[in-house]
Amino acid sequence: MTTDEQAPDREWVAYNYCVAFVDLLGQRDALRGQGLIKQPESDEQRNAFHDIFRNSIGAIIMLQERAEEMLAPILKKNLDSPRRAALPPEHQPIWDEMNRTKITTQRWSDGLVSFSCLGDADVKCHVNSIFGIFVLTGTLCLLGLASGHPIRGAIEIAWGVELYPKELYGPAVARAYELESEVAQYPRIVVGPETIKFLKAHAANPDQDVFSQTDRELASLCLNMLFQDTDGHWLLHYLGETFQFAVTQAQHAELYGMARKFVYNQLITHQASRNTKLAFRYSHLMQYFDVHPPTAPE
């Protein structure tokens, strides 16, 4: 059978996608020394295996469930809000168009790939999806530290093709994975240069139609959620005032305290074991927390 005969009878179309690649840290250490399943020789061995199994699987399930819980209100946001209800009925469809968001999450072993098609004709304000991905990844990063299950991640824009539903292929995935695996290195969310360019272009768009205005405001909001780290890469500033006021709000101070405690304990642990790599990383993360304490609510 030829390659052409094997190919499905369908046409693939490439679009630009915003992709977030998120990786749960510590799983390699959690599974170190594991191999074939063997008949336990004692209750102690059986319990030890069950502990490893539950802890590693439990952390992954927690990450997946958190992502689903956070995406649910983002995908239906504002459709039942008081502001929408206060609009005249003839204006409500425009409100719905302004707030329509499509974000797909693909499970990936001990991580997640969340993506949105920026060429979807049914979505009028594509920056909505980027904002949603910022909210998702930034909150997952802070929650992960607060619960003792840190993640790292990256966000980037490039072209991609959905080979099957919820299965994205192309440089959009590759670039996000590259930034996550080679640049992020520790609990932070790296935002790639193409994402920065996309947001700046929308923030500077002079068009005055309601959809362009919405994208312009959201792009400015997203850009204010970024800061440049000492290595020159742009990061999602999940401890910043903009993220606090727009996303974490009343929960921010509590999450900050729990996360800082975990970061401090990790720093002490890695210093004691003379783990140079992790001690330096958590020292840098500790500085980030100490420079950006919660902002008192107005």
C-alpha atoms as a PDB file:
ATOM      1  CA  MET A   1       0.000   0.000   0.000  1.00  0.00           C
ATOM      2  CA  THR A   2       1.434   3.387  -0.956  1.00  0.00           C
ATOM      3  CA  THR A   3       1.793   6.344   1.362  1.00  0.00           C
ATOM      4  CA  ASP A   4      -0.991   8.132  -0.494  1.00  0.00           C
ATOM      5  CA  GLU A   5      -3.274   5.126  -0.101  1.00  0.00           C
ATOM      6  CA  GLN A   6      -2.532   5.012   3.622  1.00  0.00           C
ATOM      7  CA  ALA A   7      -3.292   8.688   4.196  1.00  0.00           C
ATOM      8  CA  PRO A   8      -6.778   9.487   5.493  1.00  0.00           C
ATOM      9  CA  ASP A   9      -9.143  11.225   3.120  1.00  0.00           C
ATOM     10  CA  ARG A  10      -8.934  14.638   4.747  1.00  0.00           C
ATOM     11  CA  GLU A  11      -7.196  17.979   4.333  1.00  0.00           C
ATOM     12  CA  TRP A  12      -5.031  19.431   7.090  1.00  0.00           C
ATOM     13  CA  VAL A  13      -4.823  23.171   7.547  1.00  0.00           C
ATOM     14  CA  ALA A  14      -2.068  24.955   9.434  1.00  0.00           C
ATOM     15  CA  TYR A  15      -2.834  27.919  11.701  1.00  0.00           C
ATOM     16  CA  ASN A  16      -0.897  29.859  14.280  1.00  0.00           C
ATOM     17  CA  TYR A  17      -1.417  28.478  17.777  1.00  0.00           C
ATOM     18  CA  CYS A  18      -0.612  29.735  21.241  1.00  0.00           C
ATOM     19  CA  VAL A  19       0.745  26.759  23.174  1.00  0.00           C
ATOM     20  CA  ALA A  20       1.576  26.285  26.837  1.00  0.00           C
ATOM     21  CA  PHE A  21       3.710  23.311  27.843  1.00  0.00           C
ATOM     22  CA  VAL A  22       3.607  22.522  31.572  1.00  0.00           C
ATOM     23  CA  ASP A  23       5.765  19.907  33.292  1.00  0.00           C
ATOM     24  CA  LEU A  24       5.341  18.524  36.813  1.00  0.00           C
ATOM     25  CA  LEU A  25       8.746  18.563  38.509  1.00  0.00           C
ATOM     26  CA  GLY A  26      10.211  15.864  40.713  1.00  0.00           C
ATOM     27  CA  GLN A  27       8.680  12.886  38.941  1.00  0.00           C
ATOM     28  CA  ARG A  28      12.038  11.504  37.856  1.00  0.00           C
ATOM     29  CA  ASP A  29      13.238  11.395  41.458  1.00  0.00           C
ATOM     30  CA  ALA A  30       9.887   9.973  42.604  1.00  0.00           C
ATOM     31  CA  LEU A  31      10.275   7.052  40.181  1.00  0.00           C
ATOM     32  CA  ARG A  32      14.018   6.564  40.576  1.00  0.00           C
ATOM     33  CA  GLY A  33      14.951   2.892  40.849  1.00  0.00           C
ATOM     34  CA  GLN A  34      11.570   1.675  39.619  1.00  0.00           C
ATOM     35  CA  GLY A  35      11.383  -0.976  36.912  1.00  0.00           C
ATOM     36  CA  LEU A  36       9.419  -4.172  36.447  1.00  0.00           C
ATOM     37  CA  ILE A  37       6.602  -4.973  38.856  1.00  0.00           C
ATOM     38  CA  LYS A  38       7.825  -7.738  41.147  1.00  0.00           C
ATOM     39  CA  GLN A  39       6.045  -9.875  43.679  1.00  0.00           C
ATOM     40  CA  PRO A  40       6.694  -8.146  47.042  1.00  0.00           C
ATOM     41  CA  GLU A  41       8.554 -10.265  49.570  1.00  0.00           C
ATOM     42  CA  SER A  42       7.086  -8.457  52.568  1.00  0.00           C
ATOM     43  CA  ASP A  43       4.355  -6.062  53.640  1.00  0.00           C
ATOM     44  CA  GLU A  44       7.027  -3.393  53.914  1.00  0.00           C
ATOM     45  CA  GLN A  45       7.937  -3.751  50.231  1.00  0.00           C
ATOM     46  CA  ARG A  46       4.276  -3.818  49.234  1.00  0.00           C
ATOM     47  CA  ASN A  47       3.534  -0.643  51.200  1.00  0.00           C
ATOM     48  CA  ALA A  48       6.617   1.098  49.831  1.00  0.00           C
ATOM     49  CA  PHE A  49       5.510   0.391  46.254  1.00  0.00           C
ATOM     50  CA  HIS A  50       1.982   1.570  46.970  1.00  0.00           C
ATOM     51  CA  ASP A  51       3.342   4.813  48.467  1.00  0.00           C
ATOM     52  CA  ILE A  52       5.444   5.499  45.354  1.00  0.00           C
ATOM     53  CA  PHE A  53       2.516   4.616  43.102  1.00  0.00           C
ATOM     54  CA  ARG A  54       0.003   6.808  44.945  1.00  0.00           C
ATOM     55  CA  ASN A  55       2.317   9.786  45.365  1.00  0.00           C
ATOM     56  CA  SER A  56       3.463   9.931  41.745  1.00  0.00           C
ATOM     57  CA  ILE A  57       0.070   9.243  40.188  1.00  0.00           C
ATOM     58  CA  GLY A  58      -1.692  11.469  42.716  1.00  0.00           C
ATOM     59  CA  ALA A  59       0.442  14.487  41.819  1.00  0.00           C
ATOM     60  CA  ILE A  60      -0.323  14.047  38.119  1.00  0.00           C
ATOM     61  CA  ILE A  61      -4.065  13.649  38.722  1.00  0.00           C
ATOM     62  CA  MET A  62      -4.044  16.741  40.930  1.00  0.00           C
ATOM     63  CA  LEU A  63      -2.372  18.773  38.168  1.00  0.00           C
ATOM     64  CA  GLN A  64      -4.878  17.571  35.573  1.00  0.00           C
ATOM     65  CA  GLU A  65      -7.892  18.241  37.813  1.00  0.00           C
ATOM     66  CA  ARG A  66      -6.661  21.711  38.705  1.00  0.00           C
ATOM     67  CA  ALA A  67      -6.249  22.550  35.032  1.00  0.00           C
ATOM     68  CA  GLU A  68      -9.785  21.390  34.255  1.00  0.00           C
ATOM     69  CA  GLU A  69     -11.235  23.355  37.188  1.00  0.00           C
ATOM     70  CA  MET A  70      -9.462  26.549  36.163  1.00  0.00           C
ATOM     71  CA  LEU A  71     -10.315  26.265  32.485  1.00  0.00           C
ATOM     72  CA  ALA A  72     -14.040  25.728  33.094  1.00  0.00           C
ATOM     73  CA  PRO A  73     -14.838  29.333  34.134  1.00  0.00           C
ATOM     74  CA  ILE A  74     -12.414  30.739  31.548  1.00  0.00           C
ATOM     75  CA  LEU A  75     -14.179  28.975  28.680  1.00  0.00           C
ATOM     76  CA  LYS A  76     -17.611  30.192  29.722  1.00  0.00           C
ATOM     77  CA  LYS A  77     -16.499  33.452  31.322  1.00  0.00           C
ATOM     78  CA  ASN A  78     -18.853  36.399  31.510  1.00  0.00           C
ATOM     79  CA  LEU A  79     -21.695  34.611  29.714  1.00  0.00           C
ATOM     80  CA  ASP A  80     -23.759  34.652  32.904  1.00  0.00           C
ATOM     81  CA  SER A  81     -22.217  37.768  34.453  1.00  0.00           C
ATOM     82  CA  PRO A  82     -24.235  40.658  35.904  1.00  0.00           C
ATOM     83  CA  ARG A  83     -22.642  42.979  33.340  1.00  0.00           C
ATOM     84  CA  ARG A  84     -24.011  40.875  30.493  1.00  0.00           C
ATOM     85  CA  ALA A  85     -27.433  40.688  32.121  1.00  0.00           C
ATOM     86  CA  ALA A  86     -27.502  44.491  32.410  1.00  0.00           C
ATOM     87  CA  LEU A  87     -27.018  44.930  28.660  1.00  0.00           C
ATOM     88  CA  PRO A  88     -29.971  45.368  26.317  1.00  0.00           C
ATOM     89  CA  PRO A  89     -30.874  42.013  24.721  1.00  0.00           C
ATOM     90  CA  GLU A  90     -29.700  43.193  21.290  1.00  0.00           C
ATOM     91  CA  HIS A  91     -26.207  43.869  22.670  1.00  0.00           C
ATOM     92  CA  GLN A  92     -25.761  40.561  24.461  1.00  0.00           C
ATOM     93  CA  PRO A  93     -24.728  38.608  21.318  1.00  0.00           C
ATOM     94  CA  ILE A  94     -21.856  41.085  20.804  1.00  0.00           C
ATOM     95  CA  TRP A  95     -20.819  40.560  24.430  1.00  0.00           C
ATOM     96  CA  ASP A  96     -20.820  36.811  23.809  1.00  0.00           C
ATOM     97  CA  GLU A  97     -18.659  37.239  20.702  1.00  0.00           C
ATOM     98  CA  MET A  98     -16.196  39.404  22.620  1.00  0.00           C
ATOM     99  CA  ASN A  99     -15.786  36.795  25.349  1.00  0.00           C
ATOM    100  CA  ARG A 100     -15.816  33.561  23.340  1.00  0.00           C
ATOM    101  CA  THR A 101     -12.706  31.548  24.162  1.00  0.00           C
ATOM    102  CA  LYS A 102     -11.464  28.152  22.967  1.00  0.00           C
ATOM    103  CA  ILE A 103      -8.629  26.440  24.816  1.00  0.00           C
ATOM    104  CA  THR A 104      -7.852  22.748  24.411  1.00  0.00           C
ATOM    105  CA  THR A 105      -5.802  20.730  26.907  1.00  0.00           C
ATOM    106  CA  GLN A 106      -3.873  17.655  25.850  1.00  0.00           C
ATOM    107  CA  ARG A 107      -2.549  15.406  28.613  1.00  0.00           C
ATOM    108  CA  TRP A 108       1.117  14.590  28.200  1.00  0.00           C
ATOM    109  CA  SER A 109       2.513  11.992  30.636  1.00  0.00           C
ATOM    110  CA  ASP A 110       3.408  14.055  33.737  1.00  0.00           C
ATOM    111  CA  GLY A 111       2.537  17.343  32.065  1.00  0.00           C
ATOM    112  CA  LEU A 112      -0.057  19.242  30.073  1.00  0.00           C
ATOM    113  CA  VAL A 113      -0.205  20.950  26.701  1.00  0.00           C
ATOM    114  CA  SER A 114      -2.856  23.676  26.512  1.00  0.00           C
ATOM    115  CA  PHE A 115      -3.357  25.384  23.180  1.00  0.00           C
ATOM    116  CA  SER A 116      -5.612  27.749  21.281  1.00  0.00           C
ATOM    117  CA  CYS A 117      -5.970  28.272  17.534  1.00  0.00           C
ATOM    118  CA  LEU A 118      -5.349  31.928  16.658  1.00  0.00           C
ATOM    119  CA  GLY A 119      -6.900  31.448  13.230  1.00  0.00           C
ATOM    120  CA  ASP A 120     -10.289  30.202  14.431  1.00  0.00           C
ATOM    121  CA  ALA A 121     -12.885  32.274  12.561  1.00  0.00           C
ATOM    122  CA  ASP A 122     -15.478  31.629  15.291  1.00  0.00           C
ATOM    123  CA  VAL A 123     -13.358  33.533  17.823  1.00  0.00           C
ATOM    124  CA  LYS A 124     -13.392  37.313  17.403  1.00  0.00           C
ATOM    125  CA  CYS A 125     -10.939  38.215  20.192  1.00  0.00           C
ATOM    126  CA  HIS A 126      -8.010  35.791  20.129  1.00  0.00           C
ATOM    127  CA  VAL A 127      -6.153  37.533  22.954  1.00  0.00           C
ATOM    128  CA  ASN A 128      -8.904  36.131  25.211  1.00  0.00           C
ATOM    129  CA  SER A 129      -7.315  32.711  24.775  1.00  0.00           C
ATOM    130  CA  ILE A 130      -3.809  33.969  25.495  1.00  0.00           C
ATOM    131  CA  PHE A 131      -5.084  35.671  28.644  1.00  0.00           C
ATOM    132  CA  GLY A 132      -6.767  32.388  29.621  1.00  0.00           C
ATOM    133  CA  ILE A 133      -3.507  30.483  29.104  1.00  0.00           C
ATOM    134  CA  PHE A 134      -1.672  33.083  31.209  1.00  0.00           C
ATOM    135  CA  VAL A 135      -4.241  32.638  33.979  1.00  0.00           C
ATOM    136  CA  LEU A 136      -4.005  28.846  33.791  1.00  0.00           C
ATOM    137  CA  THR A 137      -0.209  28.514  33.808  1.00  0.00           C
ATOM    138  CA  GLY A 138       0.470  31.267  36.328  1.00  0.00           C
ATOM    139  CA  THR A 139      -2.052  29.900  38.794  1.00  0.00           C
ATOM    140  CA  LEU A 140      -0.811  26.340  38.328  1.00  0.00           C
ATOM    141  CA  CYS A 141       2.726  27.519  39.061  1.00  0.00           C
ATOM    142  CA  LEU A 142       1.743  29.312  42.280  1.00  0.00           C
ATOM    143  CA  LEU A 143      -0.595  26.506  43.385  1.00  0.00           C
ATOM    144  CA  GLY A 144       2.077  23.919  42.642  1.00  0.00           C
ATOM    145  CA  LEU A 145       4.550  25.627  44.963  1.00  0.00           C
ATOM    146  CA  ALA A 146       1.898  26.152  47.629  1.00  0.00           C
ATOM    147  CA  SER A 147       0.989  22.440  47.609  1.00  0.00           C
ATOM    148  CA  GLY A 148       4.537  21.104  47.335  1.00  0.00           C
ATOM    149  CA  HIS A 149       4.180  19.896  43.740  1.00  0.00           C
ATOM    150  CA  PRO A 150       6.108  22.477  41.690  1.00  0.00           C
ATOM    151  CA  ILE A 151       5.782  22.840  37.951  1.00  0.00           C
ATOM    152  CA  ARG A 152       7.617  24.727  35.254  1.00  0.00           C
ATOM    153  CA  GLY A 153       6.342  25.744  31.856  1.00  0.00           C
ATOM    154  CA  ALA A 154       6.540  27.875  28.752  1.00  0.00           C
ATOM    155  CA  ILE A 155       4.199  29.680  26.381  1.00  0.00           C
ATOM    156  CA  GLU A 156       4.896  30.347  22.718  1.00  0.00           C
ATOM    157  CA  ILE A 157       3.178  31.000  19.384  1.00  0.00           C
ATOM    158  CA  ALA A 158       3.983  29.261  16.082  1.00  0.00           C
ATOM    159  CA  TRP A 159       2.116  27.294  13.449  1.00  0.00           C
ATOM    160  CA  GLY A 160       0.552  23.949  14.134  1.00  0.00           C
ATOM    161  CA  VAL A 161      -1.885  21.378  12.757  1.00  0.00           C
ATOM    162  CA  GLU A 162      -4.518  19.459  14.687  1.00  0.00           C
ATOM    163  CA  LEU A 163      -4.016  15.979  13.278  1.00  0.00           C
ATOM    164  CA  TYR A 164      -6.896  14.680  15.374  1.00  0.00           C
ATOM    165  CA  PRO A 165      -9.134  16.313  17.995  1.00  0.00           C
ATOM    166  CA  LYS A 166      -6.988  17.486  20.929  1.00  0.00           C
ATOM    167  CA  GLU A 167      -3.789  16.367  19.153  1.00  0.00           C
ATOM    168  CA  LEU A 168      -1.649  19.288  18.006  1.00  0.00           C
ATOM    169  CA  TYR A 169       1.489  18.856  15.915  1.00  0.00           C
ATOM    170  CA  GLY A 170       4.017  21.357  14.644  1.00  0.00           C
ATOM    171  CA  PRO A 171       6.592  23.936  15.724  1.00  0.00           C
ATOM    172  CA  ALA A 172       4.065  25.522  18.112  1.00  0.00           C
ATOM    173  CA  VAL A 173       4.390  22.458  20.355  1.00  0.00           C
ATOM    174  CA  ALA A 174       8.112  22.083  19.664  1.00  0.00           C
ATOM    175  CA  ARG A 175       8.935  25.706  20.554  1.00  0.00           C
ATOM    176  CA  ALA A 176       6.903  25.608  23.770  1.00  0.00           C
ATOM    177  CA  TYR A 177       8.523  22.301  24.764  1.00  0.00           C
ATOM    178  CA  GLU A 178      11.980  23.639  23.944  1.00  0.00           C
ATOM    179  CA  LEU A 179      11.487  26.678  26.168  1.00  0.00           C
ATOM    180  CA  GLU A 180      10.035  24.549  28.967  1.00  0.00           C
ATOM    181  CA  SER A 181      12.740  21.859  28.913  1.00  0.00           C
ATOM    182  CA  GLU A 182      15.834  23.947  28.101  1.00  0.00           C
ATOM    183  CA  VAL A 183      15.112  27.441  29.398  1.00  0.00           C
ATOM    184  CA  ALA A 184      12.567  27.322  32.251  1.00  0.00           C
ATOM    185  CA  GLN A 185      14.660  24.835  34.303  1.00  0.00           C
ATOM    186  CA  TYR A 186      12.916  25.555  37.629  1.00  0.00           C
ATOM    187  CA  PRO A 187       9.428  26.689  38.782  1.00  0.00           C
ATOM    188  CA  ARG A 188       8.770  29.570  36.401  1.00  0.00           C
ATOM    189  CA  ILE A 189       6.741  30.153  33.230  1.00  0.00           C
ATOM    190  CA  VAL A 190       8.809  31.401  30.277  1.00  0.00           C
ATOM    191  CA  VAL A 191       6.958  33.448  27.651  1.00  0.00           C
ATOM    192  CA  GLY A 192       8.504  33.204  24.190  1.00  0.00           C
ATOM    193  CA  PRO A 193       9.428  36.081  21.851  1.00  0.00           C
ATOM    194  CA  GLU A 194       6.683  35.389  19.306  1.00  0.00           C
ATOM    195  CA  THR A 195       4.067  35.643  22.052  1.00  0.00           C
ATOM    196  CA  ILE A 196       5.523  38.995  23.092  1.00  0.00           C
ATOM    197  CA  LYS A 197       5.402  40.231  19.477  1.00  0.00           C
ATOM    198  CA  PHE A 198       1.798  39.078  19.074  1.00  0.00           C
ATOM    199  CA  LEU A 199       0.686  40.873  22.230  1.00  0.00           C
ATOM    200  CA  LYS A 200       2.564  44.070  21.347  1.00  0.00           C
ATOM    201  CA  ALA A 201       0.998  44.102  17.878  1.00  0.00           C
ATOM    202  CA  HIS A 202      -2.511  43.843  19.322  1.00  0.00           C
ATOM    203  CA  ALA A 203      -1.776  46.377  22.051  1.00  0.00           C
ATOM    204  CA  ALA A 204      -0.738  48.866  19.328  1.00  0.00           C
ATOM    205  CA  ASN A 205      -3.616  48.099  16.937  1.00  0.00           C
ATOM    206  CA  PRO A 206      -5.390  51.449  16.260  1.00  0.00           C
ATOM    207  CA  ASP A 207      -8.641  49.926  14.943  1.00  0.00           C
ATOM    208  CA  GLN A 208     -11.691  51.152  16.842  1.00  0.00           C
ATOM    209  CA  ASP A 209     -14.169  48.311  16.380  1.00  0.00           C
ATOM    210  CA  VAL A 210     -15.284  46.669  19.612  1.00  0.00           C
ATOM    211  CA  PHE A 211     -13.325  43.461  19.010  1.00  0.00           C
ATOM    212  CA  SER A 212     -10.043  45.285  18.316  1.00  0.00           C
ATOM    213  CA  GLN A 213     -10.570  47.392  21.426  1.00  0.00           C
ATOM    214  CA  THR A 214     -11.131  44.269  23.521  1.00  0.00           C
ATOM    215  CA  ASP A 215      -8.002  42.614  22.146  1.00  0.00           C
ATOM    216  CA  ARG A 216      -6.026  45.816  22.717  1.00  0.00           C
ATOM    217  CA  GLU A 217      -7.050  46.012  26.370  1.00  0.00           C
ATOM    218  CA  LEU A 218      -6.397  42.305  26.966  1.00  0.00           C
ATOM    219  CA  ALA A 219      -3.004  42.477  25.224  1.00  0.00           C
ATOM    220  CA  SER A 220      -1.970  45.388  27.448  1.00  0.00           C
ATOM    221  CA  LEU A 221      -3.155  43.436  30.486  1.00  0.00           C
ATOM    222  CA  CYS A 222      -1.106  40.385  29.449  1.00  0.00           C
ATOM    223  CA  LEU A 223       2.005  42.496  28.798  1.00  0.00           C
ATOM    224  CA  ASN A 224       1.671  43.946  32.294  1.00  0.00           C
ATOM    225  CA  MET A 225       1.765  40.385  33.635  1.00  0.00           C
ATOM    226  CA  LEU A 226       5.341  39.917  32.382  1.00  0.00           C
ATOM    227  CA  PHE A 227       8.784  40.719  33.714  1.00  0.00           C
ATOM    228  CA  GLN A 228      12.282  40.092  32.393  1.00  0.00           C
ATOM    229  CA  ASP A 229      14.427  37.758  34.471  1.00  0.00           C
ATOM    230  CA  THR A 230      18.184  38.073  34.960  1.00  0.00           C
ATOM    231  CA  ASP A 231      18.879  35.706  32.041  1.00  0.00           C
ATOM    232  CA  GLY A 232      17.004  38.013  29.654  1.00  0.00           C
ATOM    233  CA  HIS A 233      13.957  35.778  29.186  1.00  0.00           C
ATOM    234  CA  TRP A 234      10.461  37.103  29.770  1.00  0.00           C
ATOM    235  CA  LEU A 235       8.463  35.366  32.486  1.00  0.00           C
ATOM    236  CA  LEU A 236       4.873  35.280  33.593  1.00  0.00           C
ATOM    237  CA  HIS A 237       4.880  37.467  36.698  1.00  0.00           C
ATOM    238  CA  TYR A 238       2.475  35.473  38.867  1.00  0.00           C
ATOM    239  CA  LEU A 239       3.525  37.427  41.985  1.00  0.00           C
ATOM    240  CA  GLY A 240       3.017  40.792  40.328  1.00  0.00           C
ATOM    241  CA  GLU A 241       0.292  43.303  41.182  1.00  0.00           C
ATOM    242  CA  THR A 242      -1.461  42.891  37.823  1.00  0.00           C
ATOM    243  CA  PHE A 243      -1.723  39.108  38.198  1.00  0.00           C
ATOM    244  CA  GLN A 244      -2.820  39.460  41.812  1.00  0.00           C
ATOM    245  CA  PHE A 245      -5.601  41.931  41.044  1.00  0.00           C
ATOM    246  CA  ALA A 246      -6.759  40.218  37.838  1.00  0.00           C
ATOM    247  CA  VAL A 247      -6.446  36.565  38.850  1.00  0.00           C
ATOM    248  CA  THR A 248      -5.542  35.419  42.369  1.00  0.00           C
ATOM    249  CA  GLN A 249      -7.224  38.333  44.199  1.00  0.00           C
ATOM    250  CA  ALA A 250      -8.309  37.472  47.765  1.00  0.00           C
ATOM    251  CA  GLN A 251      -6.473  34.117  47.727  1.00  0.00           C
ATOM    252  CA  HIS A 252      -3.132  35.646  46.753  1.00  0.00           C
ATOM    253  CA  ALA A 253      -1.686  36.349  50.203  1.00  0.00           C
ATOM    254  CA  GLU A 254      -2.463  32.852  51.514  1.00  0.00           C
ATOM    255  CA  LEU A 255      -1.064  31.144  48.413  1.00  0.00           C
ATOM    256  CA  TYR A 256       2.014  33.366  48.564  1.00  0.00           C
ATOM    257  CA  GLY A 257       2.694  32.392  52.183  1.00  0.00           C
ATOM    258  CA  MET A 258       2.318  28.666  51.526  1.00  0.00           C
ATOM    259  CA  ALA A 259       4.442  28.832  48.373  1.00  0.00           C
ATOM    260  CA  ARG A 260       7.208  30.883  50.011  1.00  0.00           C
ATOM    261  CA  LYS A 261       7.405  28.386  52.877  1.00  0.00           C
ATOM    262  CA  PHE A 262       7.876  25.526  50.396  1.00  0.00           C
ATOM    263  CA  VAL A 263      10.536  27.461  48.452  1.00  0.00           C
ATOM    264  CA  TYR A 264      12.415  28.254  51.676  1.00  0.00           C
ATOM    265  CA  ASN A 265      12.323  24.615  52.826  1.00  0.00           C
ATOM    266  CA  GLN A 266      13.589  23.454  49.439  1.00  0.00           C
ATOM    267  CA  LEU A 267      16.423  25.962  49.602  1.00  0.00           C
ATOM    268  CA  ILE A 268      17.472  24.767  53.074  1.00  0.00           C
ATOM    269  CA  THR A 269      17.226  21.109  52.000  1.00  0.00           C
ATOM    270  CA  HIS A 270      19.371  21.562  48.888  1.00  0.00           C
ATOM    271  CA  GLN A 271      21.913  23.678  50.738  1.00  0.00           C
ATOM    272  CA  ALA A 272      22.246  20.974  53.397  1.00  0.00           C
ATOM    273  CA  SER A 273      22.781  18.271  50.747  1.00  0.00           C
ATOM    274  CA  ARG A 274      25.137  20.557  48.773  1.00  0.00           C
ATOM    275  CA  ASN A 275      22.998  20.184  45.666  1.00  0.00           C
ATOM    276  CA  THR A 276      24.540  23.167  43.886  1.00  0.00           C
ATOM    277  CA  LYS A 277      22.152  23.247  40.933  1.00  0.00           C
ATOM    278  CA  LEU A 278      18.921  23.155  42.919  1.00  0.00           C
ATOM    279  CA  ALA A 279      20.238  25.353  45.719  1.00  0.00           C
ATOM    280  CA  PHE A 280      21.044  28.124  43.251  1.00  0.00           C
ATOM    281  CA  ARG A 281      17.670  27.756  41.536  1.00  0.00           C
ATOM    282  CA  TYR A 282      15.673  27.906  44.753  1.00  0.00           C
ATOM    283  CA  SER A 283      17.839  30.770  46.004  1.00  0.00           C
ATOM    284  CA  HIS A 284      16.880  32.727  42.882  1.00  0.00           C
ATOM    285  CA  LEU A 285      13.225  31.785  43.357  1.00  0.00           C
ATOM    286  CA  MET A 286      13.434  32.869  47.020  1.00  0.00           C
ATOM    287  CA  GLN A 287      14.697  36.272  45.925  1.00  0.00           C
ATOM    288  CA  TYR A 288      11.756  36.561  43.526  1.00  0.00           C
ATOM    289  CA  PHE A 289       9.310  35.923  46.366  1.00  0.00           C
ATOM    290  CA  ASP A 290      11.022  38.322  48.755  1.00  0.00           C
ATOM    291  CA  VAL A 291      11.126  41.150  46.208  1.00  0.00           C
ATOM    292  CA  HIS A 292       7.438  40.727  45.343  1.00  0.00           C
ATOM    293  CA  PRO A 293       5.354  40.298  48.537  1.00  0.00           C
ATOM    294  CA  PRO A 294       1.555  40.511  48.316  1.00  0.00           C
ATOM    295  CA  THR A 295       0.088  43.926  47.715  1.00  0.00           C
ATOM    296  CA  ALA A 296      -2.352  45.075  50.337  1.00  0.00           C
ATOM    297  CA  PRO A 297      -5.884  45.309  48.914  1.00  0.00           C
ATOM    298  CA  GLU A 298      -7.150  48.829  48.306  1.00  0.00           C
END
